[in-house]
Amino acid sequence: GATQSGGRSSLKLLRVAADGDLIGDA
């Protein structure tokens, strides 16, 4: 949602549904 990501911190390329392993690694 727009308000969940906080202005410029909104996600551009990251896909929460698909990038779980990447997020965990990061």
PDB file of all heavy atoms in Angstrom:
ATOM      1  N   GLY A   1       0.828  -1.193   0.000  1.00  0.00           N
ATOM      2  CA  GLY A   1       0.000   0.000   0.000  1.00  0.00           C
ATOM      3  C   GLY A   1       0.858   1.236   0.000  1.00  0.00           C
ATOM      4  O   GLY A   1       1.995   1.245   0.451  1.00  0.00           O
ATOM      5  N   ALA A   2       0.321   2.323  -0.470  1.00  0.00           N
ATOM      6  CA  ALA A   2       1.101   3.554  -0.599  1.00  0.00           C
ATOM      7  C   ALA A   2       1.623   4.028   0.742  1.00  0.00           C
ATOM      8  O   ALA A   2       2.756   4.466   0.875  1.00  0.00           O
ATOM      9  CB  ALA A   2       0.250   4.640  -1.252  1.00  0.00           C
ATOM     10  N   THR A   3       0.787   3.928   1.796  1.00  0.00           N
ATOM     11  CA  THR A   3       1.207   4.475   3.078  1.00  0.00           C
ATOM     12  C   THR A   3       2.101   3.516   3.843  1.00  0.00           C
ATOM     13  O   THR A   3       2.752   3.929   4.786  1.00  0.00           O
ATOM     14  CB  THR A   3      -0.012   4.785   3.961  1.00  0.00           C
ATOM     15  OG1 THR A   3      -0.762   3.581   4.141  1.00  0.00           O
ATOM     16  CG2 THR A   3      -0.900   5.819   3.303  1.00  0.00           C
ATOM     17  N   GLN A   4       2.127   2.227   3.436  1.00  0.00           N
ATOM     18  CA  GLN A   4       2.924   1.277   4.190  1.00  0.00           C
ATOM     19  C   GLN A   4       4.405   1.433   3.898  1.00  0.00           C
ATOM     20  O   GLN A   4       5.226   0.919   4.628  1.00  0.00           O
ATOM     21  CB  GLN A   4       2.511  -0.160   3.844  1.00  0.00           C
ATOM     22  CG  GLN A   4       1.160  -0.545   4.413  1.00  0.00           C
ATOM     23  CD  GLN A   4       1.192  -0.774   5.904  1.00  0.00           C
ATOM     24  OE1 GLN A   4       2.154  -0.424   6.575  1.00  0.00           O
ATOM     25  NE2 GLN A   4       0.153  -1.332   6.449  1.00  0.00           N
ATOM     26  N   SER A   5       4.737   2.092   2.809  1.00  0.00           N
ATOM     27  CA  SER A   5       6.140   2.078   2.439  1.00  0.00           C
ATOM     28  C   SER A   5       6.849   3.396   2.679  1.00  0.00           C
ATOM     29  O   SER A   5       8.054   3.487   2.536  1.00  0.00           O
ATOM     30  CB  SER A   5       6.290   1.651   0.979  1.00  0.00           C
ATOM     31  OG  SER A   5       5.252   2.137   0.191  1.00  0.00           O
ATOM     32  N   GLY A   6       6.097   4.442   3.050  1.00  0.00           N
ATOM     33  CA  GLY A   6       6.744   5.648   3.530  1.00  0.00           C
ATOM     34  C   GLY A   6       7.443   6.477   2.486  1.00  0.00           C
ATOM     35  O   GLY A   6       8.660   6.536   2.422  1.00  0.00           O
ATOM     36  N   GLY A   7       6.688   7.170   1.646  1.00  0.00           N
ATOM     37  CA  GLY A   7       7.301   8.110   0.715  1.00  0.00           C
ATOM     38  C   GLY A   7       8.320   7.457  -0.185  1.00  0.00           C
ATOM     39  O   GLY A   7       8.024   6.528  -0.904  1.00  0.00           O
ATOM     40  N   ARG A   8       9.538   7.958  -0.146  1.00  0.00           N
ATOM     41  CA  ARG A   8      10.557   7.467  -1.068  1.00  0.00           C
ATOM     42  C   ARG A   8      11.005   6.052  -0.759  1.00  0.00           C
ATOM     43  O   ARG A   8      11.772   5.471  -1.494  1.00  0.00           O
ATOM     44  CB  ARG A   8      11.777   8.385  -1.026  1.00  0.00           C
ATOM     45  CG  ARG A   8      11.501   9.767  -1.578  1.00  0.00           C
ATOM     46  CD  ARG A   8      12.783  10.551  -1.571  1.00  0.00           C
ATOM     47  NE  ARG A   8      12.518  11.966  -1.751  1.00  0.00           N
ATOM     48  CZ  ARG A   8      13.445  12.894  -1.653  1.00  0.00           C
ATOM     49  NH1 ARG A   8      14.676  12.561  -1.361  1.00  0.00           N
ATOM     50  NH2 ARG A   8      13.153  14.162  -1.829  1.00  0.00           N
ATOM     51  N   SER A   9      10.584   5.516   0.352  1.00  0.00           N
ATOM     52  CA  SER A   9      11.012   4.157   0.670  1.00  0.00           C
ATOM     53  C   SER A   9      10.140   3.117  -0.021  1.00  0.00           C
ATOM     54  O   SER A   9      10.274   1.941   0.214  1.00  0.00           O
ATOM     55  CB  SER A   9      10.966   3.929   2.188  1.00  0.00           C
ATOM     56  OG  SER A   9       9.640   4.015   2.648  1.00  0.00           O
ATOM     57  N   SER A  10       9.204   3.551  -0.877  1.00  0.00           N
ATOM     58  CA  SER A  10       8.356   2.598  -1.575  1.00  0.00           C
ATOM     59  C   SER A  10       9.201   1.716  -2.494  1.00  0.00           C
ATOM     60  O   SER A  10      10.216   2.142  -3.019  1.00  0.00           O
ATOM     61  CB  SER A  10       7.279   3.320  -2.378  1.00  0.00           C
ATOM     62  OG  SER A  10       7.872   4.201  -3.297  1.00  0.00           O
ATOM     63  N   LEU A  11       8.726   0.508  -2.696  1.00  0.00           N
ATOM     64  CA  LEU A  11       9.502  -0.457  -3.453  1.00  0.00           C
ATOM     65  C   LEU A  11       9.391  -0.195  -4.946  1.00  0.00           C
ATOM     66  O   LEU A  11       8.324   0.085  -5.465  1.00  0.00           O
ATOM     67  CB  LEU A  11       9.021  -1.872  -3.135  1.00  0.00           C
ATOM     68  CG  LEU A  11       9.045  -2.260  -1.649  1.00  0.00           C
ATOM     69  CD1 LEU A  11       8.605  -3.688  -1.473  1.00  0.00           C
ATOM     70  CD2 LEU A  11      10.431  -2.045  -1.057  1.00  0.00           C
ATOM     71  N   LYS A  12      10.503  -0.312  -5.647  1.00  0.00           N
ATOM     72  CA  LYS A  12      10.534  -0.096  -7.098  1.00  0.00           C
ATOM     73  C   LYS A  12      10.654  -1.429  -7.841  1.00  0.00           C
ATOM     74  O   LYS A  12       9.861  -1.738  -8.707  1.00  0.00           O
ATOM     75  CB  LYS A  12      11.724   0.793  -7.473  1.00  0.00           C
ATOM     76  CG  LYS A  12      11.712   2.168  -6.811  1.00  0.00           C
ATOM     77  CD  LYS A  12      10.787   3.117  -7.538  1.00  0.00           C
ATOM     78  CE  LYS A  12      10.956   4.527  -6.975  1.00  0.00           C
ATOM     79  NZ  LYS A  12      10.061   5.476  -7.645  1.00  0.00           N
ATOM     80  N   LEU A  13      11.678  -2.190  -7.511  1.00  0.00           N
ATOM     81  CA  LEU A  13      11.940  -3.445  -8.216  1.00  0.00           C
ATOM     82  C   LEU A  13      11.621  -4.671  -7.364  1.00  0.00           C
ATOM     83  O   LEU A  13      11.352  -5.738  -7.891  1.00  0.00           O
ATOM     84  CB  LEU A  13      13.417  -3.514  -8.639  1.00  0.00           C
ATOM     85  CG  LEU A  13      13.864  -2.484  -9.678  1.00  0.00           C
ATOM     86  CD1 LEU A  13      15.375  -2.565  -9.862  1.00  0.00           C
ATOM     87  CD2 LEU A  13      13.162  -2.705 -11.001  1.00  0.00           C
ATOM     88  N   LEU A  14      11.673  -4.493  -6.059  1.00  0.00           N
ATOM     89  CA  LEU A  14      11.494  -5.621  -5.154  1.00  0.00           C
ATOM     90  C   LEU A  14      10.053  -6.119  -5.217  1.00  0.00           C
ATOM     91  O   LEU A  14       9.119  -5.327  -5.188  1.00  0.00           O
ATOM     92  CB  LEU A  14      11.833  -5.192  -3.725  1.00  0.00           C
ATOM     93  CG  LEU A  14      12.196  -6.292  -2.734  1.00  0.00           C
ATOM     94  CD1 LEU A  14      13.454  -7.006  -3.166  1.00  0.00           C
ATOM     95  CD2 LEU A  14      12.387  -5.695  -1.342  1.00  0.00           C
ATOM     96  N   ARG A  15       9.875  -7.420  -5.326  1.00  0.00           N
ATOM     97  CA  ARG A  15       8.555  -8.028  -5.371  1.00  0.00           C
ATOM     98  C   ARG A  15       8.385  -8.915  -4.138  1.00  0.00           C
ATOM     99  O   ARG A  15       8.998  -9.969  -4.040  1.00  0.00           O
ATOM    100  CB  ARG A  15       8.383  -8.846  -6.659  1.00  0.00           C
ATOM    101  CG  ARG A  15       8.412  -7.996  -7.911  1.00  0.00           C
ATOM    102  CD  ARG A  15       7.186  -7.092  -7.981  1.00  0.00           C
ATOM    103  NE  ARG A  15       7.251  -6.115  -9.053  1.00  0.00           N
ATOM    104  CZ  ARG A  15       7.618  -4.845  -8.897  1.00  0.00           C
ATOM    105  NH1 ARG A  15       7.973  -4.404  -7.701  1.00  0.00           N
ATOM    106  NH2 ARG A  15       7.625  -4.013  -9.915  1.00  0.00           N
ATOM    107  N   VAL A  16       7.563  -8.449  -3.223  1.00  0.00           N
ATOM    108  CA  VAL A  16       7.428  -9.137  -1.940  1.00  0.00           C
ATOM    109  C   VAL A  16       6.961 -10.571  -2.126  1.00  0.00           C
ATOM    110  O   VAL A  16       7.381 -11.481  -1.422  1.00  0.00           O
ATOM    111  CB  VAL A  16       6.453  -8.357  -1.024  1.00  0.00           C
ATOM    112  CG1 VAL A  16       6.253  -9.086   0.285  1.00  0.00           C
ATOM    113  CG2 VAL A  16       7.002  -6.960  -0.767  1.00  0.00           C
ATOM    114  N   ALA A  17       6.063 -10.799  -3.103  1.00  0.00           N
ATOM    115  CA  ALA A  17       5.528 -12.139  -3.304  1.00  0.00           C
ATOM    116  C   ALA A  17       6.585 -13.116  -3.803  1.00  0.00           C
ATOM    117  O   ALA A  17       6.530 -14.305  -3.513  1.00  0.00           O
ATOM    118  CB  ALA A  17       4.365 -12.089  -4.292  1.00  0.00           C
ATOM    119  N   ALA A  18       7.546 -12.615  -4.569  1.00  0.00           N
ATOM    120  CA  ALA A  18       8.489 -13.512  -5.241  1.00  0.00           C
ATOM    121  C   ALA A  18       9.893 -13.480  -4.650  1.00  0.00           C
ATOM    122  O   ALA A  18      10.680 -14.400  -4.879  1.00  0.00           O
ATOM    123  CB  ALA A  18       8.560 -13.153  -6.729  1.00  0.00           C
ATOM    124  N   ASP A  19      10.227 -12.426  -3.902  1.00  0.00           N
ATOM    125  CA  ASP A  19      11.618 -12.208  -3.511  1.00  0.00           C
ATOM    126  C   ASP A  19      11.890 -12.511  -2.043  1.00  0.00           C
ATOM    127  O   ASP A  19      12.736 -11.870  -1.417  1.00  0.00           O
ATOM    128  CB  ASP A  19      12.024 -10.761  -3.833  1.00  0.00           C
ATOM    129  CG  ASP A  19      12.017 -10.477  -5.325  1.00  0.00           C
ATOM    130  OD1 ASP A  19      12.248 -11.422  -6.094  1.00  0.00           O
ATOM    131  OD2 ASP A  19      11.776  -9.333  -5.716  1.00  0.00           O
ATOM    132  N   GLY A  20      11.171 -13.485  -1.492  1.00  0.00           N
ATOM    133  CA  GLY A  20      11.346 -13.805  -0.079  1.00  0.00           C
ATOM    134  C   GLY A  20      12.765 -14.193   0.276  1.00  0.00           C
ATOM    135  O   GLY A  20      13.321 -13.723   1.281  1.00  0.00           O
ATOM    136  N   ASP A  21      13.393 -15.047  -0.521  1.00  0.00           N
ATOM    137  CA  ASP A  21      14.762 -15.481  -0.227  1.00  0.00           C
ATOM    138  C   ASP A  21      15.730 -14.311  -0.302  1.00  0.00           C
ATOM    139  O   ASP A  21      16.647 -14.191   0.523  1.00  0.00           O
ATOM    140  CB  ASP A  21      15.182 -16.581  -1.204  1.00  0.00           C
ATOM    141  CG  ASP A  21      14.416 -17.874  -0.982  1.00  0.00           C
ATOM    142  OD1 ASP A  21      13.824 -18.030   0.111  1.00  0.00           O
ATOM    143  OD2 ASP A  21      14.389 -18.719  -1.891  1.00  0.00           O
ATOM    144  N   LEU A  22      15.518 -13.447  -1.284  1.00  0.00           N
ATOM    145  CA  LEU A  22      16.380 -12.276  -1.433  1.00  0.00           C
ATOM    146  C   LEU A  22      16.246 -11.347  -0.229  1.00  0.00           C
ATOM    147  O   LEU A  22      17.246 -10.850   0.310  1.00  0.00           O
ATOM    148  CB  LEU A  22      16.016 -11.525  -2.721  1.00  0.00           C
ATOM    149  CG  LEU A  22      16.762 -10.209  -2.959  1.00  0.00           C
ATOM    150  CD1 LEU A  22      18.223 -10.470  -3.281  1.00  0.00           C
ATOM    151  CD2 LEU A  22      16.112  -9.425  -4.096  1.00  0.00           C
ATOM    152  N   ILE A  23      15.004 -11.117   0.209  1.00  0.00           N
ATOM    153  CA  ILE A  23      14.775 -10.244   1.365  1.00  0.00           C
ATOM    154  C   ILE A  23      15.439 -10.825   2.606  1.00  0.00           C
ATOM    155  O   ILE A  23      16.075 -10.113   3.389  1.00  0.00           O
ATOM    156  CB  ILE A  23      13.260 -10.044   1.589  1.00  0.00           C
ATOM    157  CG1 ILE A  23      12.655  -9.251   0.417  1.00  0.00           C
ATOM    158  CG2 ILE A  23      12.987  -9.314   2.901  1.00  0.00           C
ATOM    159  CD1 ILE A  23      11.130  -9.257   0.388  1.00  0.00           C
ATOM    160  N   GLY A  24      15.305 -12.136   2.784  1.00  0.00           N
ATOM    161  CA  GLY A  24      15.948 -12.785   3.930  1.00  0.00           C
ATOM    162  C   GLY A  24      17.457 -12.669   3.879  1.00  0.00           C
ATOM    163  O   GLY A  24      18.115 -12.403   4.898  1.00  0.00           O
ATOM    164  N   ASP A  25      18.030 -12.861   2.702  1.00  0.00           N
ATOM    165  CA  ASP A  25      19.474 -12.742   2.525  1.00  0.00           C
ATOM    166  C   ASP A  25      19.932 -11.315   2.818  1.00  0.00           C
ATOM    167  O   ASP A  25      20.955 -11.093   3.487  1.00  0.00           O
ATOM    168  CB  ASP A  25      19.834 -13.140   1.087  1.00  0.00           C
ATOM    169  CG  ASP A  25      21.334 -13.092   0.828  1.00  0.00           C
ATOM    170  OD1 ASP A  25      22.110 -13.413   1.751  1.00  0.00           O
ATOM    171  OD2 ASP A  25      21.731 -12.718  -0.290  1.00  0.00           O
ATOM    172  N   ALA A  26      19.155 -10.333   2.322  1.00  0.00           N
ATOM    173  CA  ALA A  26      19.515  -8.926   2.544  1.00  0.00           C
ATOM    174  C   ALA A  26      19.448  -8.580   4.034  1.00  0.00           C
ATOM    175  O   ALA A  26      20.267  -7.806   4.541  1.00  0.00           O
ATOM    176  CB  ALA A  26      18.585  -8.019   1.748  1.00  0.00           C
TER     177      ALA A  26
END
